[in-house]
Every structure is written in structure tokens, then in C-alpha cells.
Protein backbone atom coordinates (compact mmCIF):
# COMPACT_ATOMS: atom_id res chain seq x y z
CA MET A 1 11.56 4.47 -11.99
CA ALA A 2 14.50 2.36 -13.15
CA ARG A 3 14.54 3.55 -16.75
CA PHE A 4 14.94 7.22 -15.86
CA GLY A 5 16.79 6.75 -12.54
CA LEU A 6 14.05 8.53 -10.60
CA ARG A 7 15.07 6.95 -7.27
CA GLU A 8 18.71 7.99 -7.32
CA GLY A 9 19.56 9.52 -3.96
CA LYS A 10 16.17 8.59 -2.48
CA ASP A 11 15.14 6.03 0.13
CA PRO A 12 13.38 2.88 -1.10
CA GLN A 13 9.60 3.26 -0.98
CA THR A 14 8.00 1.40 1.94
CA TYR A 15 4.40 0.25 2.00
CA GLY A 16 1.49 -0.73 4.17
CA LEU A 17 -1.23 -3.23 3.30
CA GLY A 18 -4.65 -1.84 4.08
CA LEU A 19 -7.67 -4.12 4.48
CA LYS A 20 -11.14 -2.63 4.61
CA GLU A 21 -14.73 -3.66 5.28
CA VAL A 22 -17.99 -1.78 4.95
CA TRP A 23 -20.76 -2.70 7.41
CA ARG A 24 -24.43 -1.80 7.40
CA VAL A 25 -25.64 -1.30 10.97
CA PRO A 26 -28.99 -0.37 12.55
CA ALA A 27 -29.63 3.31 11.80
CA ASP A 28 -29.89 4.18 15.49
CA LYS A 29 -26.31 2.94 16.03
CA CYS A 30 -24.85 5.07 13.24
CA LYS A 31 -23.20 8.31 14.40
CA PRO A 32 -22.18 10.12 11.19
CA GLY A 33 -18.85 11.90 11.64
CA PHE A 34 -17.57 9.53 14.33
CA ILE A 35 -13.84 8.77 13.92
CA GLN A 36 -11.77 6.21 15.82
CA HIS A 37 -8.10 5.39 15.22
CA THR A 38 -6.11 2.75 17.09
CA PHE A 39 -2.48 1.73 16.99
CA GLY A 40 -0.60 -1.51 17.47
CA TRP A 41 -2.88 -4.14 19.01
CA PRO A 42 -3.34 -7.01 18.32
CA MET A 43 0.09 -7.03 16.68
CA LYS A 44 3.35 -7.22 18.59
CA PRO A 45 5.29 -4.01 19.34
CA ASP A 46 7.81 -4.66 16.56
CA VAL A 47 5.10 -4.44 13.85
CA TYR A 48 4.02 -1.03 12.56
CA GLY A 49 0.30 -0.66 11.96
CA GLY A 50 -3.10 0.41 13.19
CA SER A 51 -6.74 0.90 12.35
CA PHE A 52 -9.43 3.36 11.35
CA LEU A 53 -13.18 3.29 11.92
CA TYR A 54 -15.65 5.87 10.57
CA HIS A 55 -19.43 6.21 10.68
CA MET A 56 -21.20 7.46 7.56
CA ALA A 57 -24.85 8.34 7.02
CA PRO A 58 -27.31 6.81 6.85
CA ASP A 59 -26.30 3.45 8.32
CA LEU A 60 -22.71 2.55 7.41
CA VAL A 61 -19.53 1.85 9.37
CA LEU A 62 -16.29 1.91 7.37
CA LEU A 63 -13.40 0.17 9.07
CA GLY A 64 -9.96 -1.03 8.17
CA PHE A 65 -6.59 -2.19 9.36
CA VAL A 66 -3.18 -1.21 7.93
CA VAL A 67 -0.05 -3.31 8.46
CA GLY A 68 3.39 -1.98 7.55
CA LEU A 69 5.01 -4.41 5.10
CA ASP A 70 8.39 -3.97 6.75
CA TYR A 71 7.49 -6.65 9.31
CA ALA A 72 9.98 -9.48 9.90
CA ASN A 73 7.87 -12.50 10.92
CA PRO A 74 6.88 -14.51 7.80
CA TYR A 75 4.06 -16.18 9.76
CA LEU A 76 2.21 -12.90 10.26
CA SER A 77 -1.10 -12.59 8.41
CA PRO A 78 -2.40 -9.02 8.00
CA TYR A 79 -5.87 -10.37 7.21
CA GLN A 80 -5.98 -12.48 10.38
CA GLU A 81 -4.75 -9.53 12.46
CA PHE A 82 -7.60 -7.46 11.00
CA GLN A 83 -10.18 -10.11 11.88
CA ARG A 84 -8.80 -10.49 15.40
CA TRP A 85 -8.83 -6.70 15.90
CA LYS A 86 -12.60 -6.54 15.32
CA HIS A 87 -13.21 -8.57 18.48
CA HIS A 88 -11.86 -5.84 20.75
CA PRO A 89 -14.75 -4.30 22.73
CA VAL A 90 -14.07 -0.74 21.46
CA VAL A 91 -14.49 -2.05 17.91
CA ALA A 92 -17.10 -4.77 18.30
CA ARG A 93 -19.67 -2.42 19.84
CA HIS A 94 -19.85 -0.47 16.59
CA LEU A 95 -20.67 -3.60 14.60
CA GLU A 96 -23.24 -5.29 16.84
CA GLY A 97 -26.43 -6.06 14.97
CA GLY A 98 -24.78 -5.15 11.67
CA GLU A 99 -23.80 -6.98 8.50
CA CYS A 100 -20.57 -6.87 6.51
CA ILE A 101 -21.45 -5.95 2.92
CA GLN A 102 -18.11 -5.17 1.25
CA TYR A 103 -14.44 -6.11 1.51
CA GLY A 104 -11.31 -4.90 -0.26
CA ALA A 105 -7.58 -4.37 0.09
CA ARG A 106 -4.80 -2.25 -1.35
CA CYS A 107 -1.24 -1.19 -0.65
CA ILE A 108 -0.39 2.39 0.28
CA ASN A 109 2.91 4.27 0.09
CA GLU A 110 4.31 4.90 3.57
CA GLY A 111 7.87 6.01 2.83
CA GLY A 112 6.98 9.68 3.08
CA PHE A 113 9.23 12.62 2.28
CA GLN A 114 12.47 10.61 2.07
CA SER A 115 11.00 8.25 -0.53
CA VAL A 116 9.47 10.78 -2.93
CA PRO A 117 11.35 10.22 -6.21
CA LYS A 118 12.29 12.69 -8.90
CA LEU A 119 8.90 13.73 -10.25
CA THR A 120 9.54 14.42 -13.93
CA PHE A 121 10.94 12.60 -16.93
CA PRO A 122 10.78 13.17 -20.71
CA GLY A 123 7.13 13.10 -21.72
CA GLY A 124 5.62 12.53 -18.29
CA ALA A 125 5.45 13.10 -14.56
CA LEU A 126 4.58 11.30 -11.32
CA ILE A 127 1.41 12.64 -9.75
CA GLY A 128 -0.60 11.70 -6.66
CA CYS A 129 -0.15 8.27 -5.07
CA SER A 130 2.24 7.21 -7.83
CA ALA A 131 4.80 9.54 -6.25
CA GLY A 132 4.00 8.64 -2.63
CA PHE A 133 2.54 11.86 -1.23
CA LEU A 134 0.80 10.15 1.71
CA ASN A 135 0.86 11.95 5.06
CA VAL A 136 1.61 8.89 7.21
CA PRO A 137 0.41 10.14 10.64
CA LYS A 138 -2.93 11.18 9.17
CA ILE A 139 -3.18 8.09 6.88
CA LYS A 140 -4.39 10.57 4.27
CA GLY A 141 -3.10 11.54 0.86
CA THR A 142 -6.13 12.65 -1.14
CA HIS A 143 -5.46 16.33 -0.43
CA THR A 144 -1.79 16.10 -1.43
CA ALA A 145 -2.62 14.00 -4.51
CA MET A 146 -5.14 16.59 -5.68
CA LYS A 147 -2.69 19.41 -5.10
CA SER A 148 0.00 17.63 -7.11
CA GLY A 149 -2.47 17.29 -10.00
CA ILE A 150 -3.23 21.00 -9.85
CA VAL A 151 0.47 21.94 -9.75
CA ALA A 152 1.27 19.55 -12.61
CA ALA A 153 -1.56 20.87 -14.77
CA GLU A 154 -0.45 24.47 -14.26
CA ALA A 155 3.18 23.60 -15.02
CA VAL A 156 2.29 21.64 -18.16
CA TYR A 157 0.00 24.40 -19.40
CA ALA A 158 2.74 26.97 -18.85
CA ALA A 159 5.22 24.80 -20.76
CA LEU A 160 2.90 24.18 -23.70
CA ALA A 161 1.86 27.83 -23.89
CA SER A 162 5.43 29.11 -23.85
CA GLU A 163 7.38 30.14 -26.94
CA GLY A 164 9.69 27.15 -26.50
CA ALA A 165 6.90 24.56 -26.66
CA PRO A 166 7.32 21.78 -29.25
CA ALA A 167 5.57 22.37 -32.55
CA PRO A 168 2.42 20.33 -33.26
CA GLU A 169 4.22 18.22 -35.88
CA VAL A 170 6.96 17.40 -33.33
CA ALA A 171 4.39 16.38 -30.72
CA ALA A 172 2.66 14.18 -33.31
CA LYS A 173 5.97 12.53 -34.19
CA HIS A 174 6.65 11.74 -30.54
CA ALA A 175 3.19 10.23 -30.17
CA THR A 176 3.92 7.64 -32.85
CA GLU A 177 7.44 6.71 -31.78
CA PRO A 178 8.15 3.29 -30.19
CA ALA A 179 7.31 2.85 -26.52
CA ASP A 180 10.99 2.75 -25.56
CA SER A 181 11.68 6.21 -26.99
CA ARG A 182 12.91 8.81 -24.49
CA ALA A 183 11.76 11.74 -26.60
CA GLY A 184 9.32 14.19 -25.08
CA LEU A 185 9.04 17.42 -23.18
CA GLU A 186 10.18 17.28 -19.54
CA VAL A 187 8.30 19.82 -17.44
CA THR A 188 10.84 20.39 -14.66
CA LYS A 189 8.80 23.34 -13.40
CA TYR A 190 6.42 20.83 -11.82
CA GLN A 191 9.21 19.56 -9.53
CA ARG A 192 10.24 23.08 -8.54
CA ASP A 193 6.67 24.17 -7.89
CA MET A 194 5.94 21.10 -5.76
CA GLU A 195 9.04 21.73 -3.67
CA GLY A 196 7.76 25.25 -3.06
CA SER A 197 4.22 24.16 -2.18
CA TRP A 198 2.57 23.36 1.14
CA VAL A 199 2.69 19.66 0.19
CA TRP A 200 6.49 19.62 0.53
CA GLU A 201 6.31 21.49 3.82
CA GLU A 202 3.64 19.15 5.19
CA LEU A 203 5.47 15.96 4.24
CA LYS A 204 8.81 17.24 5.49
CA SER A 205 7.32 18.09 8.87
CA VAL A 206 6.29 14.45 9.46
CA ARG A 207 9.27 12.80 7.73
CA ASN A 208 10.61 11.13 10.88
CA TYR A 209 7.29 9.76 12.14
CA HIS A 210 7.31 6.32 10.53
CA PRO A 211 11.09 5.69 10.65
CA ALA A 212 11.09 6.35 14.40
CA PHE A 213 9.16 3.12 14.94
CA LYS A 214 12.16 1.06 13.83
CA ALA A 215 13.21 1.34 17.46
CA GLY A 216 9.94 -0.25 18.65
CA LEU A 217 6.41 0.80 19.56
CA LEU A 218 7.12 2.79 22.75
CA PRO A 219 10.16 4.70 21.42
CA GLY A 220 8.27 5.37 18.19
CA VAL A 221 5.22 6.75 20.00
CA MET A 222 7.41 8.94 22.22
CA TYR A 223 9.47 10.35 19.36
CA SER A 224 6.56 10.88 16.97
CA GLY A 225 4.62 12.65 19.73
CA ALA A 226 7.54 14.96 20.43
CA SER A 227 8.02 15.58 16.71
CA ALA A 228 4.33 16.33 16.12
CA PHE A 229 3.67 18.59 19.10
CA LEU A 230 7.05 20.08 20.07
CA LEU A 231 9.60 19.87 17.26
CA LYS A 232 6.94 20.08 14.50
CA GLY A 233 9.39 18.63 12.01
CA ARG A 234 12.04 21.27 12.65
CA GLU A 235 14.63 18.75 13.87
CA PRO A 236 17.85 19.14 11.84
CA TRP A 237 18.14 15.39 11.21
CA THR A 238 16.28 12.94 9.01
CA PHE A 239 15.91 9.21 9.66
CA HIS A 240 16.55 7.07 6.60
CA ASN A 241 15.63 3.61 5.40
CA THR A 242 17.91 1.65 3.06
CA VAL A 243 16.20 -1.75 2.94
CA LYS A 244 13.20 -2.74 0.81
CA ASP A 245 10.19 -4.34 2.51
CA CYS A 246 10.82 -7.72 0.86
CA ASP A 247 14.32 -7.85 2.33
CA LYS A 248 13.09 -7.20 5.87
CA THR A 249 11.39 -10.59 6.13
CA LYS A 250 13.47 -12.97 8.28
CA PRO A 251 13.77 -16.76 7.90
CA ALA A 252 10.90 -18.80 9.31
CA ALA A 253 13.35 -20.75 11.51
CA GLU A 254 13.63 -17.68 13.75
CA PHE A 255 9.89 -17.68 14.58
CA GLU A 256 7.04 -19.88 15.74
CA PRO A 257 3.85 -20.10 13.67
CA ILE A 258 1.08 -17.78 14.87
CA ALA A 259 -2.08 -19.55 16.07
CA TYR A 260 -4.92 -17.26 14.96
CA PRO A 261 -8.42 -17.80 16.38
CA LYS A 262 -11.04 -19.29 14.11
CA PRO A 263 -13.54 -16.79 12.68
CA ASP A 264 -16.95 -16.78 14.33
CA GLY A 265 -18.90 -15.84 11.20
CA VAL A 266 -20.43 -12.86 13.00
CA LEU A 267 -17.60 -10.36 13.54
CA SER A 268 -14.81 -12.25 11.83
CA PHE A 269 -14.83 -14.26 8.61
CA ASP A 270 -12.68 -16.72 6.76
CA LEU A 271 -10.84 -15.14 3.87
CA LEU A 272 -12.72 -16.73 0.98
CA SER A 273 -16.10 -15.81 2.46
CA ASN A 274 -14.98 -12.20 2.70
CA LEU A 275 -13.49 -12.32 -0.78
CA SER A 276 -16.96 -12.98 -2.16
CA ARG A 277 -17.90 -9.49 -0.91
CA SER A 278 -15.12 -7.83 -2.90
CA GLY A 279 -16.80 -7.93 -6.30
CA THR A 280 -13.84 -9.77 -7.82
CA ASN A 281 -14.78 -11.20 -11.20
CA HIS A 282 -12.05 -11.81 -13.75
CA GLU A 283 -14.09 -12.35 -16.88
CA GLY A 284 -13.14 -14.48 -19.83
CA ASP A 285 -10.28 -16.85 -20.50
CA GLN A 286 -7.63 -14.19 -20.00
CA PRO A 287 -3.94 -14.98 -19.38
CA PRO A 288 -2.83 -14.79 -15.73
CA HIS A 289 -1.77 -11.25 -14.87
CA LEU A 290 0.44 -12.38 -11.97
CA ARG A 291 3.68 -13.70 -13.40
CA ILE A 292 6.97 -14.96 -12.02
CA LYS A 293 9.77 -12.76 -13.32
CA PRO A 294 12.07 -14.38 -15.90
CA GLY A 295 15.04 -16.06 -14.25
CA MET A 296 13.26 -16.36 -10.90
CA GLU A 297 11.28 -19.54 -11.55
CA SER A 298 13.07 -21.37 -8.72
CA VAL A 299 12.54 -18.63 -6.10
CA PRO A 300 9.06 -19.72 -4.89
CA THR A 301 10.13 -23.27 -4.05
CA GLU A 302 13.81 -22.85 -3.20
CA VAL A 303 13.67 -19.52 -1.36
CA SER A 304 10.15 -18.49 -0.40
CA TYR A 305 8.91 -21.92 0.68
CA LYS A 306 12.09 -23.46 2.05
CA VAL A 307 13.51 -20.39 3.81
CA TYR A 308 10.47 -18.25 4.64
CA ALA A 309 7.68 -20.88 4.83
CA GLY A 310 5.77 -19.31 1.95
CA PRO A 311 4.78 -15.91 3.43
CA GLU A 312 2.74 -14.98 0.32
CA GLY A 313 0.22 -17.59 1.42
CA ARG A 314 -0.41 -15.45 4.51
CA PHE A 315 0.08 -11.83 3.44
CA CYS A 316 -2.10 -12.08 0.31
CA PRO A 317 -5.58 -10.76 1.23
CA ALA A 318 -7.28 -12.81 -1.50
CA LYS A 319 -5.75 -16.31 -1.14
CA VAL A 320 -4.06 -16.04 -4.51
CA TYR A 321 -0.89 -17.86 -3.44
CA GLU A 322 -0.87 -21.35 -1.98
CA TYR A 323 1.66 -24.13 -1.33
CA PRO A 324 -0.52 -27.26 -1.11
CA GLU A 325 1.01 -29.94 1.08
CA GLU A 326 0.50 -32.55 -1.58
CA ALA A 327 2.44 -30.40 -4.06
CA GLY A 328 5.63 -30.58 -1.99
CA GLY A 329 6.45 -26.89 -2.01
CA LYS A 330 5.25 -26.11 -5.52
CA LEU A 331 3.45 -22.78 -5.78
CA THR A 332 -0.13 -22.47 -6.98
CA ILE A 333 -1.27 -19.04 -8.21
CA ASN A 334 -5.04 -18.45 -8.13
CA ALA A 335 -4.94 -15.28 -10.21
CA GLN A 336 -8.73 -15.22 -10.53
CA ASN A 337 -8.97 -14.31 -6.81
CA CYS A 338 -6.82 -11.18 -7.11
CA VAL A 339 -8.20 -7.90 -5.73
CA HIS A 340 -5.23 -5.97 -7.17
CA CYS A 341 -3.74 -4.78 -3.88
CA LYS A 342 -0.26 -5.37 -5.44
CA CYS A 343 1.19 -6.64 -2.15
CA CYS A 344 2.78 -9.61 -3.93
CA SER A 345 4.92 -7.33 -6.09
CA ILE A 346 6.27 -5.74 -2.88
CA LYS A 347 6.60 -8.42 -0.19
CA THR A 348 7.44 -11.67 -2.00
CA PRO A 349 11.06 -12.74 -1.41
CA LYS A 350 13.29 -11.10 -4.03
CA GLU A 351 10.12 -9.44 -5.40
CA TYR A 352 9.74 -12.42 -7.74
CA ILE A 353 6.16 -11.55 -8.81
CA LYS A 354 5.49 -9.07 -11.58
CA TRP A 355 1.97 -7.63 -11.43
CA THR A 356 0.67 -6.81 -14.90
CA VAL A 357 -2.55 -5.18 -16.04
CA PRO A 358 -5.33 -7.77 -16.61
CA GLU A 359 -6.40 -8.12 -20.23
CA ALA A 360 -10.13 -8.09 -19.43
CA GLY A 361 -12.42 -6.63 -16.78
CA GLY A 362 -12.36 -7.79 -13.20
CA GLY A 363 -10.78 -7.24 -9.84
CA GLY A 364 -12.36 -6.08 -6.62
CA PRO A 365 -12.69 -2.50 -5.50
CA ALA A 366 -9.51 -1.34 -3.77
């Protein structure tokens, strides 16, 4: 993004952290095709988020909770909100007599149309979730991701089959050049074709849905409803966001700690017990893949802990980050717990964590 200036003139990408469980329930309670979405509760009106719950044959219930990472309160724990949500009667009744068998987490792009960057650069292109083609109201992006892959493949084929395509010896030369080389064919047709596709039209029609909630839950619901059913995205204005998620966190001094209920071990679980269901297994004596960016070594203690009360200890869905009391504000990184949701690279103060690819196998299903 930075190297090729792909975000110039675009809004910063915003994200949501999604947490998910899979339950096995008695077969007579499973209603394949059942869909239930909720919004808001148990979070306060100034936090954007909601849930999904699906039944799948023969005996599974898939459920999850998504919290927008633009929240301000550093004491908020998306995982604890998820566990508390399951105790609501309209949720709990689907899980009675069942057993949680899997757990996972991942971040999703929620910036929408305004945050889609320039899609092409020399030698490559952004396709699918890497570009942020999620339809936020539907919490779905598989269809748009697949379409972008189709459009990209057709554009690349057309470029390579044209008379102006690079000769085989040129392509081979580019393949052996250093990683920092900017040489390569840029298929700008992909960008033009995407802008002329139904994906662009669909995303543009819901562009103001998420930003409308900056005014609060009720105004957001009212505006998004009017946009979806009356205006249908035809409004001549576009709401914009100029602040990254990490910069929307406010100092801990402005809030009181949140007292979350203890898990009962039936519907709700402590984080480490659930983590054991994720399949996380970082094999071997590999180097930690979660690293503090050079020059930011003081940020965890001097900024995150002292100003924001260490929010990474609460937003991480795998208990990777801890500030033990006996350590006096010194950060501990339990990289072996990581489920690769990548939330830490988004929400830590000043984005001080750099997520890198692990050198061996491991990591839970996201």
C-alpha cells in the first residue's frame, strides 16, 4: 500500500474483529437454513457491532460476534462481549444441550467503498478481501471476492495475450530481479473493469451504512434503514472517515473498567479454554512472528500501558498480550497462542506491532 501509494485519496481502512464458535447440538434442535442476526447488545450504543447465528445440517450451529475496532473505550473486550451475548434468551435456546467444538477469530475489512484502494501496481493486483470488497450490511464478501478474481483473471489474460505483452525473456528477467524492484506489467484494465462491474455498484449503494453509525446507534439505524429501503445509495453525498482505528481509542482515564460476568462453563467460557478449541499449534522452535516495530520499543510501556491501560490485553482473542502486575507495565507476548486474526496490527496504540508470517506451521482456523 505504502510503496505504491495505493491509498492516496482514499479513506483509511476500518476493521471489525469477528469471533466465532461452532456448536454441535441435538439433531432435533437443528433447523438447517435458519438465520438470525442481531445488532448492538450487549455493547453500548456508541460501539458498532452485532452477531450472526446459522444452523447447518446435520447438527451444527455456527455463531459469531463482530465488534467494530473503531471503539473508544480501552477496557472493552470483544471476546467478553461475545460470551455475554450468548446468555441472551434468543441465543441461548439454540445452544441448549449442545457442545462447543471449535473457536476462531479474524479481522474483516469494514471500510467499504470509500476505503477500496487503487487495485493495480506493477506486477500485481489487489483481489478479494485484500482490497476490502466486503458488503458491510450483509456481512458478506465471498461473492464480491470471487467476482474480483474472475475480473482480474480475464484482464490479466487479455494483457498477456495482447501484442504488447512482455516477451518471455523479459518476464523471466523480472522474476529474478530483487524483491524491491518495481518492474512488471501493470494491468490497469482490471481497475476499469471492476469499476464497471456490479461489485462497484453494490458497494457504492451501501457506502454510507457504516459511517452513519458515528452519530450513535439510533441515528445510524434510522439513516441506514432510509438508505437501504428508500434512497438505495442514490444520495449525492458520501460520509468519510479520516482516522485509523488505533487512533480512535481514548485514554483509560476517561472510562471505568468493565466488570464482565464470570463464564459458567456451559454457554460461556474463559478465553484459554476456548483457545484450546482453535487448533492453534505453533510447531518447532520458530522465532516469534509478532514483533514490535523498530523505534517503537517504548510504546507498550510508556503509551499503551500508561495511557490506555494495555488494551491489547483485552482485545486480543487469544491472550497473546499481557502486562503482568509483577512486571510493572512490561509487556509479555505469548506468540504461541496466536490465531492470526491480525487485530494487534490494527488496534494497538500507534500500530506498534508488526504481524509477520510464521516460519513453521501453526495457527488456528480463522
